[in-house]
């Protein structure tokens, strides 16, 4: 999650991102993560990009070629709005 801000809250959010996406956080941790995303656009943008990337990977068919998978991932990344700094 390289798009995170540099504050302590952002660093903690970065550490929790994949646990959140994988449903591994406690309800309290997930609520804290979501609250951070609601107030931090940079982390919210990074979360959206990672979520789209995982969705593209998960939706790929088992028989697809590496080139096909790469094209789908790149398309998902291009569809992500640019972050504002």
N, C-alpha and C. Protein backbone atom coordinates (compact mmCIF):
# COMPACT_ATOMS: atom_id res chain seq x y z
N UNK A 1 0.86 -1.18 0.00
CA UNK A 1 0.00 0.00 0.00
C UNK A 1 0.89 1.22 0.00
N UNK A 2 1.51 1.47 -1.10
CA UNK A 2 2.49 2.54 -1.20
C UNK A 2 1.87 3.92 -1.25
N UNK A 3 0.57 4.03 -1.47
CA UNK A 3 -0.07 5.33 -1.57
C UNK A 3 -0.49 5.90 -0.21
N UNK A 4 -0.19 5.20 0.86
CA UNK A 4 -0.61 5.66 2.19
C UNK A 4 0.06 6.97 2.55
N UNK A 5 -0.60 7.68 3.44
CA UNK A 5 0.00 8.87 4.01
C UNK A 5 1.10 8.47 4.97
N UNK A 6 1.69 9.43 5.63
CA UNK A 6 2.83 9.12 6.47
C UNK A 6 2.53 9.19 7.96
N UNK A 7 1.32 9.54 8.35
CA UNK A 7 0.98 9.62 9.76
C UNK A 7 0.89 8.25 10.41
N UNK A 8 0.90 8.23 11.75
CA UNK A 8 0.82 6.96 12.46
C UNK A 8 -0.45 6.19 12.11
N UNK A 9 -1.58 6.90 11.96
CA UNK A 9 -2.83 6.23 11.58
C UNK A 9 -2.69 5.56 10.22
N UNK A 10 -2.02 6.24 9.30
CA UNK A 10 -1.83 5.68 7.96
C UNK A 10 -0.92 4.46 8.00
N UNK A 11 0.12 4.52 8.79
CA UNK A 11 1.02 3.38 8.89
C UNK A 11 0.29 2.16 9.45
N UNK A 12 -0.56 2.38 10.44
CA UNK A 12 -1.35 1.29 11.00
C UNK A 12 -2.33 0.74 9.96
N UNK A 13 -2.95 1.65 9.20
CA UNK A 13 -3.87 1.21 8.15
C UNK A 13 -3.14 0.37 7.11
N UNK A 14 -1.93 0.76 6.76
CA UNK A 14 -1.13 0.00 5.80
C UNK A 14 -0.89 -1.42 6.30
N UNK A 15 -0.61 -1.54 7.59
CA UNK A 15 -0.35 -2.85 8.17
C UNK A 15 -1.60 -3.73 8.16
N UNK A 16 -2.76 -3.12 8.21
CA UNK A 16 -4.01 -3.88 8.32
C UNK A 16 -4.71 -4.11 6.98
N UNK A 17 -4.23 -3.51 5.93
CA UNK A 17 -4.93 -3.56 4.64
C UNK A 17 -5.25 -4.98 4.20
N UNK A 18 -4.25 -5.84 4.12
CA UNK A 18 -4.50 -7.17 3.56
C UNK A 18 -5.29 -8.04 4.51
N UNK A 19 -5.11 -7.85 5.81
CA UNK A 19 -5.96 -8.54 6.77
C UNK A 19 -7.41 -8.14 6.61
N UNK A 20 -7.63 -6.87 6.32
CA UNK A 20 -8.99 -6.38 6.09
C UNK A 20 -9.57 -7.00 4.82
N UNK A 21 -8.80 -6.95 3.75
CA UNK A 21 -9.28 -7.49 2.47
C UNK A 21 -9.55 -8.99 2.54
N UNK A 22 -8.80 -9.68 3.39
CA UNK A 22 -8.97 -11.12 3.54
C UNK A 22 -9.97 -11.50 4.62
N UNK A 23 -10.56 -10.50 5.28
CA UNK A 23 -11.55 -10.76 6.32
C UNK A 23 -10.96 -11.33 7.59
N UNK A 24 -9.71 -11.01 7.86
CA UNK A 24 -9.01 -11.58 9.01
C UNK A 24 -9.00 -10.67 10.24
N UNK A 25 -9.51 -9.45 10.12
CA UNK A 25 -9.50 -8.53 11.26
C UNK A 25 -10.70 -8.80 12.17
N UNK A 26 -10.54 -8.44 13.43
CA UNK A 26 -11.68 -8.50 14.34
C UNK A 26 -12.66 -7.41 13.91
N UNK A 27 -13.87 -7.49 14.42
CA UNK A 27 -14.87 -6.47 14.09
C UNK A 27 -14.39 -5.08 14.50
N UNK A 28 -13.74 -5.00 15.65
CA UNK A 28 -13.23 -3.71 16.13
C UNK A 28 -12.13 -3.18 15.22
N UNK A 29 -11.20 -4.04 14.84
CA UNK A 29 -10.11 -3.64 13.95
C UNK A 29 -10.66 -3.20 12.58
N UNK A 30 -11.63 -3.94 12.06
CA UNK A 30 -12.22 -3.60 10.77
C UNK A 30 -12.92 -2.25 10.85
N UNK A 31 -13.63 -1.98 11.95
CA UNK A 31 -14.32 -0.71 12.12
C UNK A 31 -13.31 0.44 12.19
N UNK A 32 -12.21 0.24 12.88
CA UNK A 32 -11.17 1.26 12.96
C UNK A 32 -10.56 1.52 11.58
N UNK A 33 -10.33 0.45 10.84
CA UNK A 33 -9.77 0.58 9.49
C UNK A 33 -10.74 1.35 8.59
N UNK A 34 -12.00 1.01 8.63
CA UNK A 34 -13.01 1.69 7.82
C UNK A 34 -13.14 3.16 8.21
N UNK A 35 -13.05 3.45 9.50
CA UNK A 35 -13.12 4.84 9.95
C UNK A 35 -11.93 5.63 9.42
N UNK A 36 -10.77 5.00 9.39
CA UNK A 36 -9.59 5.67 8.84
C UNK A 36 -9.79 5.96 7.35
N UNK A 37 -10.29 4.97 6.62
CA UNK A 37 -10.52 5.18 5.18
C UNK A 37 -11.51 6.31 4.92
N UNK A 38 -12.50 6.45 5.80
CA UNK A 38 -13.51 7.49 5.64
C UNK A 38 -12.91 8.90 5.78
N UNK A 39 -11.82 9.01 6.50
CA UNK A 39 -11.24 10.34 6.70
C UNK A 39 -9.91 10.55 5.97
N UNK A 40 -9.39 9.51 5.31
CA UNK A 40 -8.09 9.63 4.64
C UNK A 40 -8.22 9.21 3.18
N UNK A 41 -8.28 10.18 2.31
CA UNK A 41 -8.43 9.91 0.88
C UNK A 41 -7.29 9.11 0.28
N UNK A 42 -6.08 9.37 0.72
CA UNK A 42 -4.93 8.64 0.15
C UNK A 42 -5.02 7.16 0.48
N UNK A 43 -5.35 6.85 1.73
CA UNK A 43 -5.46 5.44 2.10
C UNK A 43 -6.69 4.80 1.44
N UNK A 44 -7.76 5.56 1.31
CA UNK A 44 -8.96 5.04 0.64
C UNK A 44 -8.66 4.72 -0.82
N UNK A 45 -7.89 5.58 -1.48
CA UNK A 45 -7.50 5.33 -2.87
C UNK A 45 -6.62 4.09 -2.98
N UNK A 46 -5.68 3.95 -2.05
CA UNK A 46 -4.79 2.79 -2.05
C UNK A 46 -5.59 1.51 -1.80
N UNK A 47 -6.54 1.58 -0.89
CA UNK A 47 -7.40 0.43 -0.59
C UNK A 47 -8.20 0.04 -1.83
N UNK A 48 -8.75 1.03 -2.52
CA UNK A 48 -9.55 0.76 -3.72
C UNK A 48 -8.69 0.09 -4.80
N UNK A 49 -7.47 0.56 -4.97
CA UNK A 49 -6.59 -0.02 -5.98
C UNK A 49 -6.24 -1.46 -5.64
N UNK A 50 -5.93 -1.73 -4.39
CA UNK A 50 -5.61 -3.10 -3.98
C UNK A 50 -6.82 -4.01 -4.11
N UNK A 51 -7.99 -3.49 -3.76
CA UNK A 51 -9.22 -4.28 -3.87
C UNK A 51 -9.50 -4.63 -5.33
N UNK A 52 -9.30 -3.67 -6.24
CA UNK A 52 -9.51 -3.94 -7.67
C UNK A 52 -8.50 -4.95 -8.19
N UNK A 53 -7.27 -4.83 -7.74
CA UNK A 53 -6.26 -5.78 -8.18
C UNK A 53 -6.61 -7.19 -7.73
N UNK A 54 -6.99 -7.34 -6.47
CA UNK A 54 -7.37 -8.67 -5.97
C UNK A 54 -8.60 -9.20 -6.71
N UNK A 55 -9.55 -8.33 -7.00
CA UNK A 55 -10.74 -8.76 -7.73
C UNK A 55 -10.37 -9.24 -9.13
N UNK A 56 -9.46 -8.54 -9.78
CA UNK A 56 -9.02 -8.95 -11.12
C UNK A 56 -8.33 -10.30 -11.07
N UNK A 57 -7.51 -10.50 -10.07
CA UNK A 57 -6.80 -11.78 -9.94
C UNK A 57 -7.79 -12.91 -9.65
N UNK A 58 -8.72 -12.67 -8.71
CA UNK A 58 -9.69 -13.69 -8.34
C UNK A 58 -10.64 -14.04 -9.48
N UNK A 59 -10.94 -13.06 -10.33
CA UNK A 59 -11.90 -13.31 -11.40
C UNK A 59 -11.27 -13.97 -12.62
N UNK A 60 -9.95 -14.08 -12.62
CA UNK A 60 -9.30 -14.69 -13.78
C UNK A 60 -9.66 -16.17 -13.85
N UNK A 61 -9.80 -16.64 -15.02
CA UNK A 61 -10.15 -18.04 -15.22
C UNK A 61 -8.90 -18.89 -15.12
N UNK A 62 -9.05 -20.11 -14.65
CA UNK A 62 -7.91 -21.00 -14.44
C UNK A 62 -7.15 -21.25 -15.74
N UNK A 63 -7.84 -21.27 -16.86
CA UNK A 63 -7.20 -21.57 -18.13
C UNK A 63 -6.67 -20.34 -18.86
N UNK A 64 -6.78 -19.16 -18.28
CA UNK A 64 -6.33 -17.97 -18.99
C UNK A 64 -4.81 -17.93 -19.07
N UNK A 65 -4.33 -17.31 -20.10
CA UNK A 65 -2.89 -17.20 -20.27
C UNK A 65 -2.34 -16.09 -19.37
N UNK A 66 -1.05 -16.13 -19.13
CA UNK A 66 -0.42 -15.08 -18.34
C UNK A 66 -0.64 -13.71 -18.97
N UNK A 67 -0.59 -13.64 -20.27
CA UNK A 67 -0.78 -12.37 -20.97
C UNK A 67 -2.20 -11.85 -20.76
N UNK A 68 -3.18 -12.74 -20.84
CA UNK A 68 -4.57 -12.35 -20.60
C UNK A 68 -4.74 -11.82 -19.18
N UNK A 69 -4.19 -12.50 -18.21
CA UNK A 69 -4.28 -12.06 -16.82
C UNK A 69 -3.62 -10.70 -16.65
N UNK A 70 -2.48 -10.53 -17.24
CA UNK A 70 -1.78 -9.25 -17.14
C UNK A 70 -2.63 -8.12 -17.73
N UNK A 71 -3.24 -8.35 -18.86
CA UNK A 71 -4.09 -7.32 -19.48
C UNK A 71 -5.27 -6.95 -18.58
N UNK A 72 -5.87 -7.95 -17.95
CA UNK A 72 -7.02 -7.69 -17.07
C UNK A 72 -6.60 -6.91 -15.83
N UNK A 73 -5.46 -7.25 -15.28
CA UNK A 73 -4.96 -6.53 -14.10
C UNK A 73 -4.64 -5.08 -14.47
N UNK A 74 -3.97 -4.88 -15.58
CA UNK A 74 -3.65 -3.53 -16.01
C UNK A 74 -4.91 -2.71 -16.29
N UNK A 75 -5.92 -3.34 -16.87
CA UNK A 75 -7.18 -2.64 -17.13
C UNK A 75 -7.84 -2.21 -15.82
N UNK A 76 -7.81 -3.08 -14.82
CA UNK A 76 -8.38 -2.74 -13.51
C UNK A 76 -7.62 -1.60 -12.87
N UNK A 77 -6.32 -1.61 -12.99
CA UNK A 77 -5.52 -0.53 -12.41
C UNK A 77 -5.76 0.79 -13.14
N UNK A 78 -5.90 0.74 -14.44
CA UNK A 78 -6.17 1.97 -15.20
C UNK A 78 -7.53 2.55 -14.87
N UNK A 79 -8.46 1.71 -14.49
CA UNK A 79 -9.81 2.17 -14.15
C UNK A 79 -9.86 2.84 -12.78
N UNK A 80 -8.81 2.71 -12.00
CA UNK A 80 -8.76 3.32 -10.67
C UNK A 80 -8.46 4.80 -10.84
N UNK A 81 -9.30 5.68 -10.24
CA UNK A 81 -9.05 7.12 -10.38
C UNK A 81 -7.73 7.50 -9.74
N UNK A 82 -7.04 8.48 -10.31
CA UNK A 82 -5.77 8.90 -9.73
C UNK A 82 -5.98 9.50 -8.34
N UNK A 83 -5.00 9.32 -7.49
CA UNK A 83 -5.10 9.85 -6.14
C UNK A 83 -4.78 11.34 -6.15
N UNK A 84 -5.38 12.05 -5.23
CA UNK A 84 -5.08 13.47 -5.09
C UNK A 84 -4.10 13.63 -3.94
N UNK A 85 -3.11 14.46 -4.17
CA UNK A 85 -2.08 14.65 -3.12
C UNK A 85 -2.19 16.00 -2.51
